[in-house]
Amino acid sequence: MVSSVIALRIDDNTSDLIDKLIKYKLATSKADALRWTMQNGMQSAKKTVERKEKSQAIIRVWKERGLPKLPNDLSESSIKDRD
C-alpha cells in the first residue's frame, strides 16, 4: 500500500482531541490518532476520551484518599464462594 502525505488544517477542538488520544495511549502518534478518529468517528472518539477522563478522575481520588473499604463480610463470603 502506497501512502501519501496530506496537509490538513484542523480546529483547536479536534487538535485537543487528538492530543488526548495520544495522552491516554489510545494512539501512538498524531497520524495514528487522526486515522483512528476517521475510522471510528468524532463522536466515538469524544466518548472514548470522556470515559478515559472519568476513569482517570476516579483513580486520582483513590490515590489521594485510598481505596474504598469493603465490608468485612463481603471479602470473607467471596473467599468461601471460591472454595
PDB file of N, CA and C in Angstrom:
ATOM      1  N   MET A   1       0.835  -1.167   0.000  1.00  0.00           N
ATOM      2  CA  MET A   1       0.000   0.000   0.000  1.00  0.00           C
ATOM      3  C   MET A   1       0.888   1.242   0.000  1.00  0.00           C
ATOM      4  N   VAL A   2       0.631   2.122  -0.914  1.00  0.00           N
ATOM      5  CA  VAL A   2       1.391   3.356  -1.027  1.00  0.00           C
ATOM      6  C   VAL A   2       0.664   4.433  -0.227  1.00  0.00           C
ATOM      7  N   SER A   3       1.404   5.144   0.587  1.00  0.00           N
ATOM      8  CA  SER A   3       0.782   6.218   1.357  1.00  0.00           C
ATOM      9  C   SER A   3       1.241   7.559   0.810  1.00  0.00           C
ATOM     10  N   SER A   4       0.398   8.538   0.968  1.00  0.00           N
ATOM     11  CA  SER A   4       0.753   9.879   0.518  1.00  0.00           C
ATOM     12  C   SER A   4       0.565  10.849   1.678  1.00  0.00           C
ATOM     13  N   VAL A   5       1.267  11.936   1.623  1.00  0.00           N
ATOM     14  CA  VAL A   5       1.225  12.943   2.679  1.00  0.00           C
ATOM     15  C   VAL A   5       0.213  14.004   2.295  1.00  0.00           C
ATOM     16  N   ILE A   6      -0.671  14.321   3.245  1.00  0.00           N
ATOM     17  CA  ILE A   6      -1.681  15.353   3.025  1.00  0.00           C
ATOM     18  C   ILE A   6      -1.619  16.316   4.206  1.00  0.00           C
ATOM     19  N   ALA A   7      -1.525  17.596   3.905  1.00  0.00           N
ATOM     20  CA  ALA A   7      -1.528  18.612   4.964  1.00  0.00           C
ATOM     21  C   ALA A   7      -2.976  18.960   5.273  1.00  0.00           C
ATOM     22  N   LEU A   8      -3.320  18.932   6.561  1.00  0.00           N
ATOM     23  CA  LEU A   8      -4.676  19.247   6.992  1.00  0.00           C
ATOM     24  C   LEU A   8      -4.666  20.406   7.964  1.00  0.00           C
ATOM     25  N   ARG A   9      -5.669  21.242   7.853  1.00  0.00           N
ATOM     26  CA  ARG A   9      -5.861  22.297   8.840  1.00  0.00           C
ATOM     27  C   ARG A   9      -7.080  21.883   9.666  1.00  0.00           C
ATOM     28  N   ILE A  10      -6.859  21.684  10.970  1.00  0.00           N
ATOM     29  CA  ILE A  10      -7.946  21.241  11.835  1.00  0.00           C
ATOM     30  C   ILE A  10      -8.178  22.294  12.919  1.00  0.00           C
ATOM     31  N   ASP A  11      -9.387  22.297  13.459  1.00  0.00           N
ATOM     32  CA  ASP A  11      -9.702  23.281  14.501  1.00  0.00           C
ATOM     33  C   ASP A  11      -9.071  22.865  15.832  1.00  0.00           C
ATOM     34  N   ASP A  12      -9.135  23.772  16.793  1.00  0.00           N
ATOM     35  CA  ASP A  12      -8.496  23.537  18.098  1.00  0.00           C
ATOM     36  C   ASP A  12      -9.131  22.368  18.845  1.00  0.00           C
ATOM     37  N   ASN A  13     -10.457  22.201  18.729  1.00  0.00           N
ATOM     38  CA  ASN A  13     -11.129  21.098  19.416  1.00  0.00           C
ATOM     39  C   ASN A  13     -10.635  19.749  18.910  1.00  0.00           C
ATOM     40  N   THR A  14     -10.495  19.631  17.600  1.00  0.00           N
ATOM     41  CA  THR A  14     -10.004  18.378  17.018  1.00  0.00           C
ATOM     42  C   THR A  14      -8.555  18.143  17.409  1.00  0.00           C
ATOM     43  N   SER A  15      -7.770  19.201  17.434  1.00  0.00           N
ATOM     44  CA  SER A  15      -6.369  19.081  17.833  1.00  0.00           C
ATOM     45  C   SER A  15      -6.257  18.629  19.284  1.00  0.00           C
ATOM     46  N   ASP A  16      -7.104  19.191  20.159  1.00  0.00           N
ATOM     47  CA  ASP A  16      -7.102  18.780  21.569  1.00  0.00           C
ATOM     48  C   ASP A  16      -7.520  17.323  21.708  1.00  0.00           C
ATOM     49  N   LEU A  17      -8.513  16.911  20.925  1.00  0.00           N
ATOM     50  CA  LEU A  17      -8.971  15.519  20.964  1.00  0.00           C
ATOM     51  C   LEU A  17      -7.852  14.572  20.549  1.00  0.00           C
ATOM     52  N   ILE A  18      -7.131  14.924  19.512  1.00  0.00           N
ATOM     53  CA  ILE A  18      -6.029  14.091  19.031  1.00  0.00           C
ATOM     54  C   ILE A  18      -4.925  14.013  20.090  1.00  0.00           C
ATOM     55  N   ASP A  19      -4.640  15.145  20.727  1.00  0.00           N
ATOM     56  CA  ASP A  19      -3.628  15.146  21.797  1.00  0.00           C
ATOM     57  C   ASP A  19      -4.055  14.264  22.968  1.00  0.00           C
ATOM     58  N   LYS A  20      -5.352  14.275  23.298  1.00  0.00           N
ATOM     59  CA  LYS A  20      -5.844  13.440  24.398  1.00  0.00           C
ATOM     60  C   LYS A  20      -5.794  11.961  24.031  1.00  0.00           C
ATOM     61  N   LEU A  21      -6.053  11.627  22.773  1.00  0.00           N
ATOM     62  CA  LEU A  21      -5.944  10.229  22.353  1.00  0.00           C
ATOM     63  C   LEU A  21      -4.517   9.723  22.533  1.00  0.00           C
ATOM     64  N   ILE A  22      -3.563  10.586  22.272  1.00  0.00           N
ATOM     65  CA  ILE A  22      -2.157  10.219  22.458  1.00  0.00           C
ATOM     66  C   ILE A  22      -1.830  10.158  23.952  1.00  0.00           C
ATOM     67  N   LYS A  23      -2.322  11.131  24.726  1.00  0.00           N
ATOM     68  CA  LYS A  23      -2.063  11.174  26.170  1.00  0.00           C
ATOM     69  C   LYS A  23      -2.568   9.915  26.870  1.00  0.00           C
ATOM     70  N   TYR A  24      -3.759   9.448  26.486  1.00  0.00           N
ATOM     71  CA  TYR A  24      -4.341   8.263  27.118  1.00  0.00           C
ATOM     72  C   TYR A  24      -3.910   6.971  26.423  1.00  0.00           C
ATOM     73  N   LYS A  25      -2.922   7.078  25.563  1.00  0.00           N
ATOM     74  CA  LYS A  25      -2.297   5.930  24.892  1.00  0.00           C
ATOM     75  C   LYS A  25      -3.274   5.114  24.049  1.00  0.00           C
ATOM     76  N   LEU A  26      -4.242   5.808  23.470  1.00  0.00           N
ATOM     77  CA  LEU A  26      -5.141   5.160  22.514  1.00  0.00           C
ATOM     78  C   LEU A  26      -4.541   5.233  21.116  1.00  0.00           C
ATOM     79  N   ALA A  27      -3.566   6.118  20.952  1.00  0.00           N
ATOM     80  CA  ALA A  27      -2.851   6.252  19.686  1.00  0.00           C
ATOM     81  C   ALA A  27      -1.397   6.569  20.013  1.00  0.00           C
ATOM     82  N   THR A  28      -0.509   6.213  19.082  1.00  0.00           N
ATOM     83  CA  THR A  28       0.921   6.415  19.334  1.00  0.00           C
ATOM     84  C   THR A  28       1.463   7.687  18.697  1.00  0.00           C
ATOM     85  N   SER A  29       0.745   8.238  17.734  1.00  0.00           N
ATOM     86  CA  SER A  29       1.199   9.455  17.063  1.00  0.00           C
ATOM     87  C   SER A  29      -0.010  10.252  16.602  1.00  0.00           C
ATOM     88  N   LYS A  30       0.237  11.466  16.139  1.00  0.00           N
ATOM     89  CA  LYS A  30      -0.872  12.289  15.650  1.00  0.00           C
ATOM     90  C   LYS A  30      -1.501  11.668  14.412  1.00  0.00           C
ATOM     91  N   ALA A  31      -0.684  11.094  13.558  1.00  0.00           N
ATOM     92  CA  ALA A  31      -1.218  10.443  12.364  1.00  0.00           C
ATOM     93  C   ALA A  31      -2.090   9.249  12.749  1.00  0.00           C
ATOM     94  N   ASP A  32      -1.626   8.484  13.714  1.00  0.00           N
ATOM     95  CA  ASP A  32      -2.390   7.331  14.189  1.00  0.00           C
ATOM     96  C   ASP A  32      -3.697   7.786  14.852  1.00  0.00           C
ATOM     97  N   ALA A  33      -3.637   8.857  15.635  1.00  0.00           N
ATOM     98  CA  ALA A  33      -4.835   9.373  16.292  1.00  0.00           C
ATOM     99  C   ALA A  33      -5.844   9.900  15.276  1.00  0.00           C
ATOM    100  N   LEU A  34      -5.362  10.579  14.271  1.00  0.00           N
ATOM    101  CA  LEU A  34      -6.252  11.085  13.231  1.00  0.00           C
ATOM    102  C   LEU A  34      -6.868   9.940  12.438  1.00  0.00           C
ATOM    103  N   ARG A  35      -6.067   8.925  12.139  1.00  0.00           N
ATOM    104  CA  ARG A  35      -6.575   7.741  11.430  1.00  0.00           C
ATOM    105  C   ARG A  35      -7.635   7.029  12.275  1.00  0.00           C
ATOM    106  N   TRP A  36      -7.384   6.891  13.586  1.00  0.00           N
ATOM    107  CA  TRP A  36      -8.338   6.246  14.488  1.00  0.00           C
ATOM    108  C   TRP A  36      -9.641   7.033  14.538  1.00  0.00           C
ATOM    109  N   THR A  37      -9.516   8.366  14.589  1.00  0.00           N
ATOM    110  CA  THR A  37     -10.703   9.222  14.626  1.00  0.00           C
ATOM    111  C   THR A  37     -11.492   9.114  13.323  1.00  0.00           C
ATOM    112  N   MET A  38     -10.832   9.056  12.209  1.00  0.00           N
ATOM    113  CA  MET A  38     -11.539   8.934  10.927  1.00  0.00           C
ATOM    114  C   MET A  38     -12.230   7.582  10.806  1.00  0.00           C
ATOM    115  N   GLN A  39     -11.612   6.530  11.302  1.00  0.00           N
ATOM    116  CA  GLN A  39     -12.211   5.199  11.214  1.00  0.00           C
ATOM    117  C   GLN A  39     -13.393   5.042  12.153  1.00  0.00           C
ATOM    118  N   ASN A  40     -13.308   5.618  13.370  1.00  0.00           N
ATOM    119  CA  ASN A  40     -14.338   5.421  14.383  1.00  0.00           C
ATOM    120  C   ASN A  40     -15.326   6.568  14.493  1.00  0.00           C
ATOM    121  N   GLY A  41     -14.985   7.713  13.963  1.00  0.00           N
ATOM    122  CA  GLY A  41     -15.865   8.872  14.025  1.00  0.00           C
ATOM    123  C   GLY A  41     -15.527   9.780  15.196  1.00  0.00           C
ATOM    124  N   MET A  42     -15.863  11.052  15.041  1.00  0.00           N
ATOM    125  CA  MET A  42     -15.571  12.042  16.075  1.00  0.00           C
ATOM    126  C   MET A  42     -16.349  11.772  17.359  1.00  0.00           C
ATOM    127  N   GLN A  43     -17.620  11.404  17.236  1.00  0.00           N
ATOM    128  CA  GLN A  43     -18.433  11.169  18.428  1.00  0.00           C
ATOM    129  C   GLN A  43     -17.882   9.998  19.247  1.00  0.00           C
ATOM    130  N   SER A  44     -17.483   8.947  18.558  1.00  0.00           N
ATOM    131  CA  SER A  44     -16.913   7.795  19.241  1.00  0.00           C
ATOM    132  C   SER A  44     -15.603   8.174  19.938  1.00  0.00           C
ATOM    133  N   ALA A  45     -14.785   8.961  19.265  1.00  0.00           N
ATOM    134  CA  ALA A  45     -13.520   9.398  19.857  1.00  0.00           C
ATOM    135  C   ALA A  45     -13.771  10.264  21.088  1.00  0.00           C
ATOM    136  N   LYS A  46     -14.760  11.161  21.004  1.00  0.00           N
ATOM    137  CA  LYS A  46     -15.079  12.020  22.146  1.00  0.00           C
ATOM    138  C   LYS A  46     -15.592  11.199  23.317  1.00  0.00           C
ATOM    139  N   LYS A  47     -16.451  10.221  23.052  1.00  0.00           N
ATOM    140  CA  LYS A  47     -16.977   9.375  24.125  1.00  0.00           C
ATOM    141  C   LYS A  47     -15.859   8.566  24.774  1.00  0.00           C
ATOM    142  N   THR A  48     -14.951   8.063  23.962  1.00  0.00           N
ATOM    143  CA  THR A  48     -13.836   7.285  24.485  1.00  0.00           C
ATOM    144  C   THR A  48     -12.953   8.146  25.387  1.00  0.00           C
ATOM    145  N   VAL A  49     -12.663   9.363  24.955  1.00  0.00           N
ATOM    146  CA  VAL A  49     -11.839  10.269  25.754  1.00  0.00           C
ATOM    147  C   VAL A  49     -12.567  10.644  27.047  1.00  0.00           C
ATOM    148  N   GLU A  50     -13.891  10.869  26.973  1.00  0.00           N
ATOM    149  CA  GLU A  50     -14.657  11.188  28.180  1.00  0.00           C
ATOM    150  C   GLU A  50     -14.604  10.049  29.187  1.00  0.00           C
ATOM    151  N   ARG A  51     -14.728   8.809  28.706  1.00  0.00           N
ATOM    152  CA  ARG A  51     -14.644   7.656  29.606  1.00  0.00           C
ATOM    153  C   ARG A  51     -13.264   7.567  30.243  1.00  0.00           C
ATOM    154  N   LYS A  52     -12.227   7.809  29.463  1.00  0.00           N
ATOM    155  CA  LYS A  52     -10.867   7.785  29.996  1.00  0.00           C
ATOM    156  C   LYS A  52     -10.673   8.880  31.043  1.00  0.00           C
ATOM    157  N   GLU A  53     -11.216  10.072  30.788  1.00  0.00           N
ATOM    158  CA  GLU A  53     -11.075  11.165  31.744  1.00  0.00           C
ATOM    159  C   GLU A  53     -11.803  10.845  33.051  1.00  0.00           C
ATOM    160  N   LYS A  54     -12.993  10.243  32.951  1.00  0.00           N
ATOM    161  CA  LYS A  54     -13.734   9.861  34.155  1.00  0.00           C
ATOM    162  C   LYS A  54     -12.974   8.807  34.951  1.00  0.00           C
ATOM    163  N   SER A  55     -12.422   7.819  34.264  1.00  0.00           N
ATOM    164  CA  SER A  55     -11.677   6.782  34.978  1.00  0.00           C
ATOM    165  C   SER A  55     -10.405   7.349  35.596  1.00  0.00           C
ATOM    166  N   GLN A  56      -9.758   8.293  34.919  1.00  0.00           N
ATOM    167  CA  GLN A  56      -8.568   8.928  35.491  1.00  0.00           C
ATOM    168  C   GLN A  56      -8.921   9.743  36.722  1.00  0.00           C
ATOM    169  N   ALA A  57     -10.102  10.387  36.715  1.00  0.00           N
ATOM    170  CA  ALA A  57     -10.542  11.160  37.882  1.00  0.00           C
ATOM    171  C   ALA A  57     -10.790  10.232  39.069  1.00  0.00           C
ATOM    172  N   ILE A  58     -11.395   9.081  38.829  1.00  0.00           N
ATOM    173  CA  ILE A  58     -11.633   8.111  39.898  1.00  0.00           C
ATOM    174  C   ILE A  58     -10.306   7.601  40.460  1.00  0.00           C
ATOM    175  N   ILE A  59      -9.373   7.293  39.590  1.00  0.00           N
ATOM    176  CA  ILE A  59      -8.060   6.817  40.029  1.00  0.00           C
ATOM    177  C   ILE A  59      -7.348   7.891  40.844  1.00  0.00           C
ATOM    178  N   ARG A  60      -7.461   9.144  40.422  1.00  0.00           N
ATOM    179  CA  ARG A  60      -6.830  10.243  41.143  1.00  0.00           C
ATOM    180  C   ARG A  60      -7.398  10.359  42.565  1.00  0.00           C
ATOM    181  N   VAL A  61      -8.730  10.231  42.694  1.00  0.00           N
ATOM    182  CA  VAL A  61      -9.361  10.284  44.017  1.00  0.00           C
ATOM    183  C   VAL A  61      -8.883   9.121  44.871  1.00  0.00           C
ATOM    184  N   TRP A  62      -8.807   7.925  44.296  1.00  0.00           N
ATOM    185  CA  TRP A  62      -8.341   6.755  45.045  1.00  0.00           C
ATOM    186  C   TRP A  62      -6.904   6.935  45.519  1.00  0.00           C
ATOM    187  N   LYS A  63      -6.076   7.547  44.690  1.00  0.00           N
ATOM    188  CA  LYS A  63      -4.690   7.779  45.091  1.00  0.00           C
ATOM    189  C   LYS A  63      -4.609   8.767  46.243  1.00  0.00           C
ATOM    190  N   GLU A  64      -5.498   9.764  46.235  1.00  0.00           N
ATOM    191  CA  GLU A  64      -5.483  10.770  47.298  1.00  0.00           C
ATOM    192  C   GLU A  64      -6.075  10.232  48.596  1.00  0.00           C
ATOM    193  N   ARG A  65      -7.215   9.554  48.511  1.00  0.00           N
ATOM    194  CA  ARG A  65      -7.955   9.123  49.698  1.00  0.00           C
ATOM    195  C   ARG A  65      -7.734   7.664  50.059  1.00  0.00           C
ATOM    196  N   GLY A  66      -7.178   6.909  49.166  1.00  0.00           N
ATOM    197  CA  GLY A  66      -7.040   5.476  49.381  1.00  0.00           C
ATOM    198  C   GLY A  66      -8.214   4.727  48.761  1.00  0.00           C
ATOM    199  N   LEU A  67      -8.045   3.448  48.608  1.00  0.00           N
ATOM    200  CA  LEU A  67      -9.109   2.637  48.021  1.00  0.00           C
ATOM    201  C   LEU A  67     -10.291   2.544  48.976  1.00  0.00           C
ATOM    202  N   PRO A  68     -11.501   2.434  48.428  1.00  0.00           N
ATOM    203  CA  PRO A  68     -12.660   2.302  49.313  1.00  0.00           C
ATOM    204  C   PRO A  68     -12.594   0.998  50.093  1.00  0.00           C
ATOM    205  N   LYS A  69     -13.036   1.049  51.341  1.00  0.00           N
ATOM    206  CA  LYS A  69     -13.007  -0.135  52.198  1.00  0.00           C
ATOM    207  C   LYS A  69     -14.190  -1.029  51.873  1.00  0.00           C
ATOM    208  N   LEU A  70     -13.942  -2.315  51.799  1.00  0.00           N
ATOM    209  CA  LEU A  70     -15.005  -3.285  51.590  1.00  0.00           C
ATOM    210  C   LEU A  70     -15.535  -3.744  52.940  1.00  0.00           C
ATOM    211  N   PRO A  71     -16.811  -4.061  53.016  1.00  0.00           N
ATOM    212  CA  PRO A  71     -17.321  -4.626  54.274  1.00  0.00           C
ATOM    213  C   PRO A  71     -16.601  -5.937  54.582  1.00  0.00           C
ATOM    214  N   ASN A  72     -16.378  -6.202  55.852  1.00  0.00           N
ATOM    215  CA  ASN A  72     -15.641  -7.399  56.258  1.00  0.00           C
ATOM    216  C   ASN A  72     -16.309  -8.671  55.773  1.00  0.00           C
ATOM    217  N   ASP A  73     -17.626  -8.756  55.886  1.00  0.00           N
ATOM    218  CA  ASP A  73     -18.302  -9.988  55.494  1.00  0.00           C
ATOM    219  C   ASP A  73     -18.263 -10.211  53.990  1.00  0.00           C
ATOM    220  N   LEU A  74     -18.142  -9.144  53.217  1.00  0.00           N
ATOM    221  CA  LEU A  74     -18.095  -9.294  51.766  1.00  0.00           C
ATOM    222  C   LEU A  74     -16.846 -10.051  51.328  1.00  0.00           C
ATOM    223  N   SER A  75     -15.706  -9.691  51.886  1.00  0.00           N
ATOM    224  CA  SER A  75     -14.476 -10.360  51.487  1.00  0.00           C
ATOM    225  C   SER A  75     -14.458 -11.816  51.954  1.00  0.00           C
ATOM    226  N   GLU A  76     -14.967 -12.085  53.149  1.00  0.00           N
ATOM    227  CA  GLU A  76     -14.998 -13.462  53.643  1.00  0.00           C
ATOM    228  C   GLU A  76     -15.952 -14.328  52.826  1.00  0.00           C
ATOM    229  N   SER A  77     -17.096 -13.764  52.459  1.00  0.00           N
ATOM    230  CA  SER A  77     -18.053 -14.551  51.677  1.00  0.00           C
ATOM    231  C   SER A  77     -17.516 -14.828  50.283  1.00  0.00           C
ATOM    232  N   SER A  78     -16.785 -13.908  49.731  1.00  0.00           N
ATOM    233  CA  SER A  78     -16.233 -14.147  48.405  1.00  0.00           C
ATOM    234  C   SER A  78     -15.148 -15.234  48.447  1.00  0.00           C
ATOM    235  N   ILE A  79     -14.415 -15.300  49.539  1.00  0.00           N
ATOM    236  CA  ILE A  79     -13.417 -16.363  49.694  1.00  0.00           C
ATOM    237  C   ILE A  79     -14.099 -17.718  49.846  1.00  0.00           C
ATOM    238  N   LYS A  80     -15.168 -17.758  50.624  1.00  0.00           N
ATOM    239  CA  LYS A  80     -15.903 -19.010  50.823  1.00  0.00           C
ATOM    240  C   LYS A  80     -16.518 -19.489  49.513  1.00  0.00           C
ATOM    241  N   ASP A  81     -16.998 -18.562  48.688  1.00  0.00           N
ATOM    242  CA  ASP A  81     -17.600 -18.941  47.416  1.00  0.00           C
ATOM    243  C   ASP A  81     -16.600 -19.579  46.469  1.00  0.00           C
ATOM    244  N   ARG A  82     -15.355 -19.199  46.587  1.00  0.00           N
ATOM    245  CA  ARG A  82     -14.319 -19.778  45.711  1.00  0.00           C
ATOM    246  C   ARG A  82     -14.012 -21.213  46.060  1.00  0.00           C
ATOM    247  N   ASP A  83     -14.178 -21.578  47.336  1.00  0.00           N
ATOM    248  CA  ASP A  83     -13.846 -22.949  47.777  1.00  0.00           C
ATOM    249  C   ASP A  83     -14.839 -23.948  47.341  1.00  0.00           C
TER     250      ASP A  83
END
